[in-house]
Amino acid sequence: MINTETVKFLKALKKNNSKEWFDQNRKSYEQAKENYLDFVVEILGRMKKIDTSLVDLEPKQCVFRINRDVRFSKNKDPYKTNMGASFSKGGKKIQCAGHYFHLEPGESFIGGGFWMPMAPELNKIRQEIDYNVEAFNKLINKKKFKDIFGSLSESEKLSRPPKGYEAENPAIELLKLKSFIVMTAVKDTEITSKELANKVVDHFETMMPLVDFLNKAID
């Protein structure tokens, strides 16, 4: 489970995002990092029993670094104020669909799918949805799926039909998407709960048909 000390560290980091402060509190960071990795180990171990594509995945392949890449960003804060982990068959560096857990006080969430695929993968996903829109709609409209996640995020979406598709296409609103992701918020009161791991695994399992559909499209 996530310790209260881990949450306290992330809150403090948000208020003191500097290398000097971070170096002074490195011991607290190392403890928070170890705690989060332990949580990832638990989630991954349980997911491997459900999703055979994760069998060869190692916990350290899932966890993102806390250092920010500030080279092309106006925000020069050196550190992320969250801890994130991606559970996908290729690890965090491979372009494929998967599951994601984001730990950040006030902004924690459970999510998954495929965020901003590159053009070759995006074209394959659109083609698969075009060919099998009924099956795709069926999986994203299942009651439990909708109860947890609502609908696919439309934060990344074209205003016009993508090249090669007509506006009258019955799947056109799905085909306009540039990302195929879902997410649901996790309350601060749930972060340190013993039930958090159960919730994460349950929600990951619920979104597995979406992840499988997207990965089959690009394979």
C-alpha atoms as a PDB file:
ATOM      1  CA  MET A   1       0.000   0.000   0.000  1.00  0.00           C
ATOM      2  CA  ILE A   2       1.001   3.636  -0.394  1.00  0.00           C
ATOM      3  CA  ASN A   3       2.400   5.129   2.825  1.00  0.00           C
ATOM      4  CA  THR A   4       1.321   8.494   4.201  1.00  0.00           C
ATOM      5  CA  GLU A   5       5.011   9.514   4.140  1.00  0.00           C
ATOM      6  CA  THR A   6       5.037   9.075   0.353  1.00  0.00           C
ATOM      7  CA  VAL A   7       2.036  11.354   0.015  1.00  0.00           C
ATOM      8  CA  LYS A   8       3.637  13.927   2.321  1.00  0.00           C
ATOM      9  CA  PHE A   9       6.817  13.878   0.242  1.00  0.00           C
ATOM     10  CA  LEU A  10       4.939  14.561  -3.005  1.00  0.00           C
ATOM     11  CA  LYS A  11       2.993  17.410  -1.390  1.00  0.00           C
ATOM     12  CA  ALA A  12       6.208  18.950  -0.079  1.00  0.00           C
ATOM     13  CA  LEU A  13       7.926  18.537  -3.456  1.00  0.00           C
ATOM     14  CA  LYS A  14       5.103  20.446  -5.127  1.00  0.00           C
ATOM     15  CA  LYS A  15       5.802  23.397  -2.835  1.00  0.00           C
ATOM     16  CA  ASN A  16       9.595  23.135  -3.064  1.00  0.00           C
ATOM     17  CA  ASN A  17      10.414  22.037  -6.594  1.00  0.00           C
ATOM     18  CA  SER A  18      14.134  22.773  -6.689  1.00  0.00           C
ATOM     19  CA  LYS A  19      17.306  20.711  -6.866  1.00  0.00           C
ATOM     20  CA  GLU A  20      18.561  22.196  -3.620  1.00  0.00           C
ATOM     21  CA  TRP A  21      15.456  21.115  -1.681  1.00  0.00           C
ATOM     22  CA  PHE A  22      15.402  17.735  -3.411  1.00  0.00           C
ATOM     23  CA  ASP A  23      19.035  17.041  -2.505  1.00  0.00           C
ATOM     24  CA  GLN A  24      18.331  17.976   1.108  1.00  0.00           C
ATOM     25  CA  ASN A  25      15.371  15.574   1.164  1.00  0.00           C
ATOM     26  CA  ARG A  26      16.835  12.771  -0.940  1.00  0.00           C
ATOM     27  CA  LYS A  27      16.394  10.211   1.848  1.00  0.00           C
ATOM     28  CA  SER A  28      12.661  10.947   1.921  1.00  0.00           C
ATOM     29  CA  TYR A  29      12.554  10.626  -1.856  1.00  0.00           C
ATOM     30  CA  GLU A  30      14.334   7.255  -1.790  1.00  0.00           C
ATOM     31  CA  GLN A  31      11.838   5.971   0.780  1.00  0.00           C
ATOM     32  CA  ALA A  32       8.896   7.245  -1.290  1.00  0.00           C
ATOM     33  CA  LYS A  33      10.391   5.747  -4.459  1.00  0.00           C
ATOM     34  CA  GLU A  34      10.854   2.360  -2.761  1.00  0.00           C
ATOM     35  CA  ASN A  35       7.306   2.449  -1.406  1.00  0.00           C
ATOM     36  CA  TYR A  36       5.860   3.218  -4.847  1.00  0.00           C
ATOM     37  CA  LEU A  37       7.965   0.469  -6.434  1.00  0.00           C
ATOM     38  CA  ASP A  38       6.674  -2.003  -3.837  1.00  0.00           C
ATOM     39  CA  PHE A  39       3.131  -1.017  -4.836  1.00  0.00           C
ATOM     40  CA  VAL A  40       3.995  -1.524  -8.511  1.00  0.00           C
ATOM     41  CA  VAL A  41       5.472  -4.950  -7.699  1.00  0.00           C
ATOM     42  CA  GLU A  42       2.182  -5.948  -6.084  1.00  0.00           C
ATOM     43  CA  ILE A  43       0.041  -4.672  -8.974  1.00  0.00           C
ATOM     44  CA  LEU A  44       2.271  -6.233 -11.623  1.00  0.00           C
ATOM     45  CA  GLY A  45       2.353  -9.584  -9.837  1.00  0.00           C
ATOM     46  CA  ARG A  46      -1.431  -9.709  -9.780  1.00  0.00           C
ATOM     47  CA  MET A  47      -1.803  -8.470 -13.347  1.00  0.00           C
ATOM     48  CA  LYS A  48       0.541 -11.184 -14.662  1.00  0.00           C
ATOM     49  CA  LYS A  49      -2.039 -13.749 -13.525  1.00  0.00           C
ATOM     50  CA  ILE A  50      -4.684 -11.980 -15.622  1.00  0.00           C
ATOM     51  CA  ASP A  51      -2.708 -10.737 -18.629  1.00  0.00           C
ATOM     52  CA  THR A  52      -0.137 -13.185 -20.022  1.00  0.00           C
ATOM     53  CA  SER A  53       1.420 -10.454 -22.196  1.00  0.00           C
ATOM     54  CA  LEU A  54       2.936  -8.964 -19.010  1.00  0.00           C
ATOM     55  CA  VAL A  55       4.731 -12.137 -17.888  1.00  0.00           C
ATOM     56  CA  ASP A  56       8.220 -10.945 -18.880  1.00  0.00           C
ATOM     57  CA  LEU A  57       7.744  -7.382 -17.631  1.00  0.00           C
ATOM     58  CA  GLU A  58       9.908  -6.226 -14.714  1.00  0.00           C
ATOM     59  CA  PRO A  59       8.679  -3.625 -12.165  1.00  0.00           C
ATOM     60  CA  LYS A  60      11.487  -1.172 -12.970  1.00  0.00           C
ATOM     61  CA  GLN A  61      10.390  -1.231 -16.627  1.00  0.00           C
ATOM     62  CA  CYS A  62       7.051   0.212 -15.501  1.00  0.00           C
ATOM     63  CA  VAL A  63       8.073   3.161 -13.330  1.00  0.00           C
ATOM     64  CA  PHE A  64       8.793   6.587 -14.814  1.00  0.00           C
ATOM     65  CA  ARG A  65      11.677   8.761 -13.635  1.00  0.00           C
ATOM     66  CA  ILE A  66      10.809  11.704 -11.415  1.00  0.00           C
ATOM     67  CA  ASN A  67      13.183  14.036 -13.290  1.00  0.00           C
ATOM     68  CA  ARG A  68      11.498  16.219 -15.892  1.00  0.00           C
ATOM     69  CA  ASP A  69      12.865  16.823 -19.386  1.00  0.00           C
ATOM     70  CA  VAL A  70      12.866  20.625 -19.414  1.00  0.00           C
ATOM     71  CA  ARG A  71      14.733  21.129 -22.702  1.00  0.00           C
ATOM     72  CA  PHE A  72      11.651  22.059 -24.714  1.00  0.00           C
ATOM     73  CA  SER A  73       9.333  23.183 -21.922  1.00  0.00           C
ATOM     74  CA  LYS A  74       8.535  26.648 -20.580  1.00  0.00           C
ATOM     75  CA  ASN A  75       8.093  25.020 -17.173  1.00  0.00           C
ATOM     76  CA  LYS A  76      11.640  24.626 -15.855  1.00  0.00           C
ATOM     77  CA  ASP A  77      10.731  22.826 -12.605  1.00  0.00           C
ATOM     78  CA  PRO A  78      13.280  19.992 -12.415  1.00  0.00           C
ATOM     79  CA  TYR A  79      10.985  17.341 -10.945  1.00  0.00           C
ATOM     80  CA  LYS A  80       7.583  15.832 -11.587  1.00  0.00           C
ATOM     81  CA  THR A  81       5.201  16.114  -8.656  1.00  0.00           C
ATOM     82  CA  ASN A  82       3.796  12.646  -9.272  1.00  0.00           C
ATOM     83  CA  MET A  83       4.863   9.037  -9.471  1.00  0.00           C
ATOM     84  CA  GLY A  84       3.639   7.122 -12.491  1.00  0.00           C
ATOM     85  CA  ALA A  85       3.795   3.548 -13.731  1.00  0.00           C
ATOM     86  CA  SER A  86       2.809   2.030 -17.068  1.00  0.00           C
ATOM     87  CA  PHE A  87       1.856  -1.629 -17.272  1.00  0.00           C
ATOM     88  CA  SER A  88       2.154  -2.707 -20.904  1.00  0.00           C
ATOM     89  CA  LYS A  89       3.676  -5.682 -22.688  1.00  0.00           C
ATOM     90  CA  GLY A  90       6.668  -3.710 -23.932  1.00  0.00           C
ATOM     91  CA  GLY A  91       7.319  -1.593 -20.862  1.00  0.00           C
ATOM     92  CA  LYS A  92       7.132   2.187 -20.612  1.00  0.00           C
ATOM     93  CA  LYS A  93       9.370   2.848 -23.632  1.00  0.00           C
ATOM     94  CA  ILE A  94       7.439   0.782 -26.197  1.00  0.00           C
ATOM     95  CA  GLN A  95       4.631   2.167 -28.380  1.00  0.00           C
ATOM     96  CA  CYS A  96       1.636   0.040 -27.447  1.00  0.00           C
ATOM     97  CA  ALA A  97      -1.564   0.145 -25.421  1.00  0.00           C
ATOM     98  CA  GLY A  98      -1.465  -0.547 -21.697  1.00  0.00           C
ATOM     99  CA  HIS A  99      -2.562   0.425 -18.192  1.00  0.00           C
ATOM    100  CA  TYR A 100      -1.373   3.371 -16.116  1.00  0.00           C
ATOM    101  CA  PHE A 101      -1.468   4.392 -12.453  1.00  0.00           C
ATOM    102  CA  HIS A 102      -0.753   8.010 -11.551  1.00  0.00           C
ATOM    103  CA  LEU A 103      -0.035   8.962  -7.939  1.00  0.00           C
ATOM    104  CA  GLU A 104      -0.314  12.687  -7.241  1.00  0.00           C
ATOM    105  CA  PRO A 105      -2.145  14.180  -4.262  1.00  0.00           C
ATOM    106  CA  GLY A 106      -5.281  15.869  -5.586  1.00  0.00           C
ATOM    107  CA  GLU A 107      -4.805  14.467  -9.091  1.00  0.00           C
ATOM    108  CA  SER A 108      -4.332  10.697  -8.777  1.00  0.00           C
ATOM    109  CA  PHE A 109      -6.006   8.496 -11.384  1.00  0.00           C
ATOM    110  CA  ILE A 110      -6.242   5.041 -12.931  1.00  0.00           C
ATOM    111  CA  GLY A 111      -6.118   5.032 -16.704  1.00  0.00           C
ATOM    112  CA  GLY A 112      -5.221   3.096 -19.793  1.00  0.00           C
ATOM    113  CA  GLY A 113      -5.399   2.721 -23.538  1.00  0.00           C
ATOM    114  CA  PHE A 114      -3.019   4.268 -26.074  1.00  0.00           C
ATOM    115  CA  TRP A 115      -1.997   7.928 -25.679  1.00  0.00           C
ATOM    116  CA  MET A 116      -0.980   9.762 -28.866  1.00  0.00           C
ATOM    117  CA  PRO A 117       0.175   6.829 -31.007  1.00  0.00           C
ATOM    118  CA  MET A 118       2.561   7.635 -33.842  1.00  0.00           C
ATOM    119  CA  ALA A 119       1.137   7.826 -37.364  1.00  0.00           C
ATOM    120  CA  PRO A 120       1.727   4.158 -38.352  1.00  0.00           C
ATOM    121  CA  GLU A 121       0.040   2.836 -35.192  1.00  0.00           C
ATOM    122  CA  LEU A 122      -2.709   5.465 -35.327  1.00  0.00           C
ATOM    123  CA  ASN A 123      -3.576   4.515 -38.897  1.00  0.00           C
ATOM    124  CA  LYS A 124      -3.790   0.831 -37.964  1.00  0.00           C
ATOM    125  CA  ILE A 125      -6.068   1.582 -35.008  1.00  0.00           C
ATOM    126  CA  ARG A 126      -8.367   3.728 -37.132  1.00  0.00           C
ATOM    127  CA  GLN A 127      -8.533   1.026 -39.781  1.00  0.00           C
ATOM    128  CA  GLU A 128      -9.403  -1.622 -37.189  1.00  0.00           C
ATOM    129  CA  ILE A 129     -12.135   0.562 -35.675  1.00  0.00           C
ATOM    130  CA  ASP A 130     -13.486   1.275 -39.160  1.00  0.00           C
ATOM    131  CA  TYR A 131     -13.654  -2.447 -39.914  1.00  0.00           C
ATOM    132  CA  ASN A 132     -15.022  -3.476 -36.509  1.00  0.00           C
ATOM    133  CA  VAL A 133     -16.883  -0.476 -35.120  1.00  0.00           C
ATOM    134  CA  GLU A 134     -19.724  -2.595 -33.731  1.00  0.00           C
ATOM    135  CA  ALA A 135     -17.321  -4.744 -31.712  1.00  0.00           C
ATOM    136  CA  PHE A 136     -15.421  -1.655 -30.522  1.00  0.00           C
ATOM    137  CA  ASN A 137     -18.613   0.125 -29.461  1.00  0.00           C
ATOM    138  CA  LYS A 138     -19.751  -2.989 -27.639  1.00  0.00           C
ATOM    139  CA  LEU A 139     -16.637  -3.137 -25.480  1.00  0.00           C
ATOM    140  CA  ILE A 140     -16.594   0.590 -24.585  1.00  0.00           C
ATOM    141  CA  ASN A 141     -20.318   0.572 -23.824  1.00  0.00           C
ATOM    142  CA  LYS A 142     -20.353  -2.313 -21.368  1.00  0.00           C
ATOM    143  CA  LYS A 143     -22.095  -1.226 -18.180  1.00  0.00           C
ATOM    144  CA  LYS A 144     -19.153  -1.720 -15.794  1.00  0.00           C
ATOM    145  CA  PHE A 145     -16.768  -0.017 -18.234  1.00  0.00           C
ATOM    146  CA  LYS A 146     -19.038   3.025 -18.547  1.00  0.00           C
ATOM    147  CA  ASP A 147     -19.781   3.129 -14.823  1.00  0.00           C
ATOM    148  CA  ILE A 148     -16.056   3.367 -14.066  1.00  0.00           C
ATOM    149  CA  PHE A 149     -14.611   5.308 -16.991  1.00  0.00           C
ATOM    150  CA  GLY A 150     -17.527   6.989 -18.719  1.00  0.00           C
ATOM    151  CA  SER A 151     -16.334   7.367 -22.310  1.00  0.00           C
ATOM    152  CA  LEU A 152     -13.063   7.664 -24.205  1.00  0.00           C
ATOM    153  CA  SER A 153     -11.256  10.950 -23.603  1.00  0.00           C
ATOM    154  CA  GLU A 154     -11.786  13.506 -26.378  1.00  0.00           C
ATOM    155  CA  SER A 155      -9.012  15.835 -25.236  1.00  0.00           C
ATOM    156  CA  GLU A 156      -7.012  14.902 -28.347  1.00  0.00           C
ATOM    157  CA  LYS A 157      -9.357  14.957 -31.338  1.00  0.00           C
ATOM    158  CA  LEU A 158      -9.453  16.231 -34.913  1.00  0.00           C
ATOM    159  CA  SER A 159     -12.090  18.790 -35.887  1.00  0.00           C
ATOM    160  CA  ARG A 160     -12.430  17.237 -39.358  1.00  0.00           C
ATOM    161  CA  PRO A 161     -12.475  13.625 -40.585  1.00  0.00           C
ATOM    162  CA  PRO A 162      -8.984  12.123 -40.953  1.00  0.00           C
ATOM    163  CA  LYS A 163      -7.649  11.628 -44.464  1.00  0.00           C
ATOM    164  CA  GLY A 164      -9.275   8.682 -46.226  1.00  0.00           C
ATOM    165  CA  TYR A 165     -12.518   8.718 -44.227  1.00  0.00           C
ATOM    166  CA  GLU A 166     -15.868  10.296 -45.087  1.00  0.00           C
ATOM    167  CA  ALA A 167     -17.875  12.434 -42.681  1.00  0.00           C
ATOM    168  CA  GLU A 168     -20.788  10.006 -43.084  1.00  0.00           C
ATOM    169  CA  ASN A 169     -18.768   7.066 -41.736  1.00  0.00           C
ATOM    170  CA  PRO A 170     -20.709   5.602 -38.757  1.00  0.00           C
ATOM    171  CA  ALA A 171     -17.456   5.474 -36.782  1.00  0.00           C
ATOM    172  CA  ILE A 172     -16.330   8.990 -37.700  1.00  0.00           C
ATOM    173  CA  GLU A 173     -16.319  10.448 -34.166  1.00  0.00           C
ATOM    174  CA  LEU A 174     -14.083   7.595 -32.994  1.00  0.00           C
ATOM    175  CA  LEU A 175     -11.889   7.925 -36.072  1.00  0.00           C
ATOM    176  CA  LYS A 176     -11.256  11.601 -35.285  1.00  0.00           C
ATOM    177  CA  LEU A 177      -9.573  10.660 -32.010  1.00  0.00           C
ATOM    178  CA  LYS A 178      -5.797  10.999 -31.788  1.00  0.00           C
ATOM    179  CA  SER A 179      -5.635   9.165 -28.449  1.00  0.00           C
ATOM    180  CA  PHE A 180      -7.658   6.201 -27.233  1.00  0.00           C
ATOM    181  CA  ILE A 181      -7.602   6.495 -23.470  1.00  0.00           C
ATOM    182  CA  VAL A 182      -9.875   6.243 -20.461  1.00  0.00           C
ATOM    183  CA  MET A 183      -9.296   7.330 -16.883  1.00  0.00           C
ATOM    184  CA  THR A 184     -11.000   7.630 -13.535  1.00  0.00           C
ATOM    185  CA  ALA A 185      -9.958   9.744 -10.568  1.00  0.00           C
ATOM    186  CA  VAL A 186      -8.692   8.338  -7.284  1.00  0.00           C
ATOM    187  CA  LYS A 187      -9.611  10.339  -4.186  1.00  0.00           C
ATOM    188  CA  ASP A 188      -6.914  11.384  -1.727  1.00  0.00           C
ATOM    189  CA  THR A 189      -8.723   9.377   0.948  1.00  0.00           C
ATOM    190  CA  GLU A 190      -8.216   6.242  -1.166  1.00  0.00           C
ATOM    191  CA  ILE A 191      -4.496   6.664  -1.802  1.00  0.00           C
ATOM    192  CA  THR A 192      -3.337   5.148   1.485  1.00  0.00           C
ATOM    193  CA  SER A 193      -6.188   2.650   1.741  1.00  0.00           C
ATOM    194  CA  LYS A 194      -5.447  -1.085   1.867  1.00  0.00           C
ATOM    195  CA  GLU A 195      -8.117  -1.436  -0.837  1.00  0.00           C
ATOM    196  CA  LEU A 196      -6.280   0.711  -3.395  1.00  0.00           C
ATOM    197  CA  ALA A 197      -4.446  -2.262  -4.949  1.00  0.00           C
ATOM    198  CA  ASN A 198      -7.736  -4.137  -5.352  1.00  0.00           C
ATOM    199  CA  LYS A 199      -9.284  -1.111  -7.041  1.00  0.00           C
ATOM    200  CA  VAL A 200      -6.371  -0.626  -9.430  1.00  0.00           C
ATOM    201  CA  VAL A 201      -6.329  -4.284 -10.495  1.00  0.00           C
ATOM    202  CA  ASP A 202     -10.116  -4.396 -10.865  1.00  0.00           C
ATOM    203  CA  HIS A 203     -10.134  -1.283 -13.070  1.00  0.00           C
ATOM    204  CA  PHE A 204      -7.186  -2.546 -15.123  1.00  0.00           C
ATOM    205  CA  GLU A 205      -9.069  -5.796 -15.718  1.00  0.00           C
ATOM    206  CA  THR A 206     -12.178  -3.872 -16.764  1.00  0.00           C
ATOM    207  CA  MET A 207     -10.234  -1.955 -19.426  1.00  0.00           C
ATOM    208  CA  MET A 208      -8.379  -5.029 -20.718  1.00  0.00           C
ATOM    209  CA  PRO A 209     -10.725  -5.560 -23.713  1.00  0.00           C
ATOM    210  CA  LEU A 210      -9.912  -2.005 -24.869  1.00  0.00           C
ATOM    211  CA  VAL A 211      -6.167  -2.539 -24.431  1.00  0.00           C
ATOM    212  CA  ASP A 212      -6.341  -5.888 -26.239  1.00  0.00           C
ATOM    213  CA  PHE A 213      -8.315  -4.407 -29.146  1.00  0.00           C
ATOM    214  CA  LEU A 214      -5.777  -1.607 -29.622  1.00  0.00           C
ATOM    215  CA  ASN A 215      -2.772  -3.914 -29.405  1.00  0.00           C
ATOM    216  CA  LYS A 216      -4.236  -6.420 -31.843  1.00  0.00           C
ATOM    217  CA  ALA A 217      -4.782  -3.537 -34.262  1.00  0.00           C
ATOM    218  CA  ILE A 218      -1.096  -2.589 -34.285  1.00  0.00           C
ATOM    219  CA  ASP A 219       0.408  -6.103 -34.095  1.00  0.00           C
END
